Structure formats: structure tokens, C-alpha cells
Amino acid sequence: MWIMIANIGWIVSAALILWMLYDWFRTDTTYSEETLTSSREGEIEAVQEQHRV
């Protein structure tokens, strides 16, 4: 029983690591370095939510 729980824990850990690497790659390719290092809060959302009247 404990061995199975430990193995499930390792599988969950590996899945989280893969998800973080995927998200890191996706974020890095989607946004420029200037946008990612800006200190202005909400700049990414402001770029995505450009409203036209």
C-alpha cells in the first residue's frame, strides 16, 4: 500500500514538472522579454484587452 502511494506521488511530481516546463516554454515564446520583465502591473492584460469603440 505505501509503495503504491509513493509511486503515485512520484508520478504526480513528474507530471507537475512537465507542466511547469511546458508553461515556461509557452510563456517564453508568447511574450517578449521586455513584456515579461516590465514592472508595470497589468501590462500583459492591457495588451490582450485592446477595446475598439
PDB file of N, CA and C in Angstrom:
ATOM      1  N   MET A   1       0.816  -1.190   0.000  1.00  0.00           N
ATOM      2  CA  MET A   1       0.000   0.000   0.000  1.00  0.00           C
ATOM      3  C   MET A   1       0.864   1.260   0.000  1.00  0.00           C
ATOM      4  N   TRP A   2       1.864   1.342   0.900  1.00  0.00           N
ATOM      5  CA  TRP A   2       2.711   2.520   0.975  1.00  0.00           C
ATOM      6  C   TRP A   2       3.553   2.684  -0.285  1.00  0.00           C
ATOM      7  N   ILE A   3       3.971   1.587  -0.870  1.00  0.00           N
ATOM      8  CA  ILE A   3       4.764   1.658  -2.104  1.00  0.00           C
ATOM      9  C   ILE A   3       3.912   2.247  -3.231  1.00  0.00           C
ATOM     10  N   MET A   4       2.660   1.857  -3.303  1.00  0.00           N
ATOM     11  CA  MET A   4       1.764   2.389  -4.327  1.00  0.00           C
ATOM     12  C   MET A   4       1.533   3.897  -4.126  1.00  0.00           C
ATOM     13  N   ILE A   5       1.344   4.324  -2.899  1.00  0.00           N
ATOM     14  CA  ILE A   5       1.162   5.750  -2.608  1.00  0.00           C
ATOM     15  C   ILE A   5       2.425   6.530  -2.973  1.00  0.00           C
ATOM     16  N   ALA A   6       3.585   5.980  -2.666  1.00  0.00           N
ATOM     17  CA  ALA A   6       4.850   6.642  -3.009  1.00  0.00           C
ATOM     18  C   ALA A   6       5.006   6.751  -4.519  1.00  0.00           C
ATOM     19  N   ASN A   7       4.653   5.708  -5.245  1.00  0.00           N
ATOM     20  CA  ASN A   7       4.751   5.748  -6.707  1.00  0.00           C
ATOM     21  C   ASN A   7       3.786   6.766  -7.302  1.00  0.00           C
ATOM     22  N   ILE A   8       2.594   6.857  -6.751  1.00  0.00           N
ATOM     23  CA  ILE A   8       1.631   7.860  -7.219  1.00  0.00           C
ATOM     24  C   ILE A   8       2.179   9.264  -6.959  1.00  0.00           C
ATOM     25  N   GLY A   9       2.825   9.462  -5.834  1.00  0.00           N
ATOM     26  CA  GLY A   9       3.441  10.752  -5.523  1.00  0.00           C
ATOM     27  C   GLY A   9       4.525  11.119  -6.530  1.00  0.00           C
ATOM     28  N   TRP A  10       5.353  10.150  -6.923  1.00  0.00           N
ATOM     29  CA  TRP A  10       6.387  10.410  -7.920  1.00  0.00           C
ATOM     30  C   TRP A  10       5.777  10.734  -9.277  1.00  0.00           C
ATOM     31  N   ILE A  11       4.705  10.055  -9.638  1.00  0.00           N
ATOM     32  CA  ILE A  11       4.040  10.319 -10.912  1.00  0.00           C
ATOM     33  C   ILE A  11       3.440  11.723 -10.924  1.00  0.00           C
ATOM     34  N   VAL A  12       2.804  12.101  -9.829  1.00  0.00           N
ATOM     35  CA  VAL A  12       2.232  13.456  -9.734  1.00  0.00           C
ATOM     36  C   VAL A  12       3.351  14.500  -9.799  1.00  0.00           C
ATOM     37  N   SER A  13       4.452  14.251  -9.132  1.00  0.00           N
ATOM     38  CA  SER A  13       5.582  15.187  -9.160  1.00  0.00           C
ATOM     39  C   SER A  13       6.144  15.335 -10.571  1.00  0.00           C
ATOM     40  N   ALA A  14       6.300  14.233 -11.268  1.00  0.00           N
ATOM     41  CA  ALA A  14       6.811  14.276 -12.642  1.00  0.00           C
ATOM     42  C   ALA A  14       5.833  15.022 -13.559  1.00  0.00           C
ATOM     43  N   ALA A  15       4.538  14.801 -13.368  1.00  0.00           N
ATOM     44  CA  ALA A  15       3.535  15.494 -14.181  1.00  0.00           C
ATOM     45  C   ALA A  15       3.590  17.003 -13.931  1.00  0.00           C
ATOM     46  N   LEU A  16       3.750  17.414 -12.679  1.00  0.00           N
ATOM     47  CA  LEU A  16       3.839  18.844 -12.365  1.00  0.00           C
ATOM     48  C   LEU A  16       5.092  19.475 -12.966  1.00  0.00           C
ATOM     49  N   ILE A  17       6.194  18.760 -12.936  1.00  0.00           N
ATOM     50  CA  ILE A  17       7.431  19.273 -13.537  1.00  0.00           C
ATOM     51  C   ILE A  17       7.262  19.442 -15.035  1.00  0.00           C
ATOM     52  N   LEU A  18       6.663  18.459 -15.703  1.00  0.00           N
ATOM     53  CA  LEU A  18       6.432  18.566 -17.143  1.00  0.00           C
ATOM     54  C   LEU A  18       5.495  19.723 -17.466  1.00  0.00           C
ATOM     55  N   TRP A  19       4.461  19.910 -16.643  1.00  0.00           N
ATOM     56  CA  TRP A  19       3.520  21.010 -16.857  1.00  0.00           C
ATOM     57  C   TRP A  19       4.218  22.357 -16.699  1.00  0.00           C
ATOM     58  N   MET A  20       5.081  22.491 -15.684  1.00  0.00           N
ATOM     59  CA  MET A  20       5.809  23.738 -15.477  1.00  0.00           C
ATOM     60  C   MET A  20       6.755  24.026 -16.643  1.00  0.00           C
ATOM     61  N   LEU A  21       7.433  23.004 -17.165  1.00  0.00           N
ATOM     62  CA  LEU A  21       8.325  23.192 -18.309  1.00  0.00           C
ATOM     63  C   LEU A  21       7.537  23.609 -19.550  1.00  0.00           C
ATOM     64  N   TYR A  22       6.387  22.989 -19.777  1.00  0.00           N
ATOM     65  CA  TYR A  22       5.541  23.352 -20.905  1.00  0.00           C
ATOM     66  C   TYR A  22       5.060  24.798 -20.781  1.00  0.00           C
ATOM     67  N   ASP A  23       4.607  25.185 -19.591  1.00  0.00           N
ATOM     68  CA  ASP A  23       4.117  26.537 -19.369  1.00  0.00           C
ATOM     69  C   ASP A  23       5.241  27.561 -19.524  1.00  0.00           C
ATOM     70  N   TRP A  24       6.420  27.220 -19.051  1.00  0.00           N
ATOM     71  CA  TRP A  24       7.582  28.099 -19.188  1.00  0.00           C
ATOM     72  C   TRP A  24       7.900  28.317 -20.666  1.00  0.00           C
ATOM     73  N   PHE A  25       7.926  27.238 -21.449  1.00  0.00           N
ATOM     74  CA  PHE A  25       8.216  27.339 -22.880  1.00  0.00           C
ATOM     75  C   PHE A  25       7.136  28.150 -23.592  1.00  0.00           C
ATOM     76  N   ARG A  26       5.872  27.890 -23.271  1.00  0.00           N
ATOM     77  CA  ARG A  26       4.762  28.597 -23.913  1.00  0.00           C
ATOM     78  C   ARG A  26       4.800  30.094 -23.577  1.00  0.00           C
ATOM     79  N   THR A  27       5.051  30.436 -22.329  1.00  0.00           N
ATOM     80  CA  THR A  27       5.127  31.833 -21.914  1.00  0.00           C
ATOM     81  C   THR A  27       6.314  32.527 -22.566  1.00  0.00           C
ATOM     82  N   ASP A  28       7.435  31.830 -22.637  1.00  0.00           N
ATOM     83  CA  ASP A  28       8.645  32.409 -23.214  1.00  0.00           C
ATOM     84  C   ASP A  28       8.481  32.677 -24.701  1.00  0.00           C
ATOM     85  N   THR A  29       7.736  31.833 -25.407  1.00  0.00           N
ATOM     86  CA  THR A  29       7.549  32.032 -26.841  1.00  0.00           C
ATOM     87  C   THR A  29       6.392  32.984 -27.147  1.00  0.00           C
ATOM     88  N   THR A  30       5.480  33.196 -26.203  1.00  0.00           N
ATOM     89  CA  THR A  30       4.320  34.053 -26.440  1.00  0.00           C
ATOM     90  C   THR A  30       4.635  35.519 -26.186  1.00  0.00           C
ATOM     91  N   TYR A  31       5.380  35.828 -25.133  1.00  0.00           N
ATOM     92  CA  TYR A  31       5.636  37.207 -24.732  1.00  0.00           C
ATOM     93  C   TYR A  31       7.097  37.558 -24.931  1.00  0.00           C
ATOM     94  N   SER A  32       7.351  38.822 -25.234  1.00  0.00           N
ATOM     95  CA  SER A  32       8.727  39.284 -25.395  1.00  0.00           C
ATOM     96  C   SER A  32       9.398  39.411 -24.025  1.00  0.00           C
ATOM     97  N   GLU A  33      10.695  39.459 -24.061  1.00  0.00           N
ATOM     98  CA  GLU A  33      11.464  39.604 -22.819  1.00  0.00           C
ATOM     99  C   GLU A  33      11.156  40.946 -22.151  1.00  0.00           C
ATOM    100  N   GLU A  34      10.916  41.973 -22.966  1.00  0.00           N
ATOM    101  CA  GLU A  34      10.598  43.294 -22.424  1.00  0.00           C
ATOM    102  C   GLU A  34       9.278  43.266 -21.648  1.00  0.00           C
ATOM    103  N   THR A  35       8.293  42.571 -22.174  1.00  0.00           N
ATOM    104  CA  THR A  35       6.996  42.479 -21.502  1.00  0.00           C
ATOM    105  C   THR A  35       7.113  41.678 -20.213  1.00  0.00           C
ATOM    106  N   LEU A  36       7.875  40.598 -20.246  1.00  0.00           N
ATOM    107  CA  LEU A  36       7.991  39.737 -19.070  1.00  0.00           C
ATOM    108  C   LEU A  36       8.764  40.396 -17.934  1.00  0.00           C
ATOM    109  N   THR A  37       9.663  41.312 -18.258  1.00  0.00           N
ATOM    110  CA  THR A  37      10.470  41.938 -17.212  1.00  0.00           C
ATOM    111  C   THR A  37       9.979  43.326 -16.846  1.00  0.00           C
ATOM    112  N   SER A  38       8.827  43.741 -17.386  1.00  0.00           N
ATOM    113  CA  SER A  38       8.341  45.080 -17.057  1.00  0.00           C
ATOM    114  C   SER A  38       7.839  45.103 -15.621  1.00  0.00           C
ATOM    115  N   SER A  39       7.891  46.271 -15.030  1.00  0.00           N
ATOM    116  CA  SER A  39       7.447  46.405 -13.647  1.00  0.00           C
ATOM    117  C   SER A  39       6.018  46.939 -13.562  1.00  0.00           C
ATOM    118  N   ARG A  40       5.409  47.217 -14.697  1.00  0.00           N
ATOM    119  CA  ARG A  40       4.037  47.736 -14.700  1.00  0.00           C
ATOM    120  C   ARG A  40       3.056  46.587 -14.547  1.00  0.00           C
ATOM    121  N   GLU A  41       2.219  46.661 -13.536  1.00  0.00           N
ATOM    122  CA  GLU A  41       1.236  45.616 -13.306  1.00  0.00           C
ATOM    123  C   GLU A  41       0.129  45.711 -14.341  1.00  0.00           C
ATOM    124  N   GLY A  42      -0.293  44.562 -14.834  1.00  0.00           N
ATOM    125  CA  GLY A  42      -1.403  44.505 -15.759  1.00  0.00           C
ATOM    126  C   GLY A  42      -1.048  44.838 -17.190  1.00  0.00           C
ATOM    127  N   GLU A  43       0.228  44.971 -17.507  1.00  0.00           N
ATOM    128  CA  GLU A  43       0.606  45.337 -18.867  1.00  0.00           C
ATOM    129  C   GLU A  43       0.250  44.231 -19.856  1.00  0.00           C
ATOM    130  N   ILE A  44       0.426  42.986 -19.467  1.00  0.00           N
ATOM    131  CA  ILE A  44       0.105  41.875 -20.356  1.00  0.00           C
ATOM    132  C   ILE A  44      -1.395  41.846 -20.634  1.00  0.00           C
ATOM    133  N   GLU A  45      -2.200  42.025 -19.594  1.00  0.00           N
ATOM    134  CA  GLU A  45      -3.645  42.022 -19.781  1.00  0.00           C
ATOM    135  C   GLU A  45      -4.087  43.213 -20.617  1.00  0.00           C
ATOM    136  N   ALA A  46      -3.442  44.354 -20.436  1.00  0.00           N
ATOM    137  CA  ALA A  46      -3.820  45.549 -21.190  1.00  0.00           C
ATOM    138  C   ALA A  46      -3.556  45.347 -22.677  1.00  0.00           C
ATOM    139  N   VAL A  47      -2.493  44.663 -23.014  1.00  0.00           N
ATOM    140  CA  VAL A  47      -2.179  44.406 -24.415  1.00  0.00           C
ATOM    141  C   VAL A  47      -3.217  43.456 -25.007  1.00  0.00           C
ATOM    142  N   GLN A  48      -3.641  42.465 -24.254  1.00  0.00           N
ATOM    143  CA  GLN A  48      -4.592  41.492 -24.751  1.00  0.00           C
ATOM    144  C   GLN A  48      -5.995  42.055 -24.847  1.00  0.00           C
ATOM    145  N   GLU A  49      -6.345  43.028 -24.030  1.00  0.00           N
ATOM    146  CA  GLU A  49      -7.704  43.538 -23.963  1.00  0.00           C
ATOM    147  C   GLU A  49      -7.832  44.918 -24.607  1.00  0.00           C
ATOM    148  N   GLN A  50      -7.350  45.047 -25.809  1.00  0.00           N
ATOM    149  CA  GLN A  50      -7.464  46.314 -26.501  1.00  0.00           C
ATOM    150  C   GLN A  50      -8.885  46.421 -27.060  1.00  0.00           C
ATOM    151  N   HIS A  51      -9.637  47.389 -26.554  1.00  0.00           N
ATOM    152  CA  HIS A  51     -11.029  47.579 -26.961  1.00  0.00           C
ATOM    153  C   HIS A  51     -11.097  48.671 -28.025  1.00  0.00           C
ATOM    154  N   ARG A  52     -11.939  48.419 -28.999  1.00  0.00           N
ATOM    155  CA  ARG A  52     -12.160  49.428 -30.041  1.00  0.00           C
ATOM    156  C   ARG A  52     -13.593  49.908 -29.928  1.00  0.00           C
ATOM    157  N   VAL A  53     -13.746  51.230 -29.995  1.00  0.00           N
ATOM    158  CA  VAL A  53     -15.092  51.820 -29.879  1.00  0.00           C
ATOM    159  C   VAL A  53     -15.516  52.346 -31.222  1.00  0.00           C
TER     160      VAL A  53
END
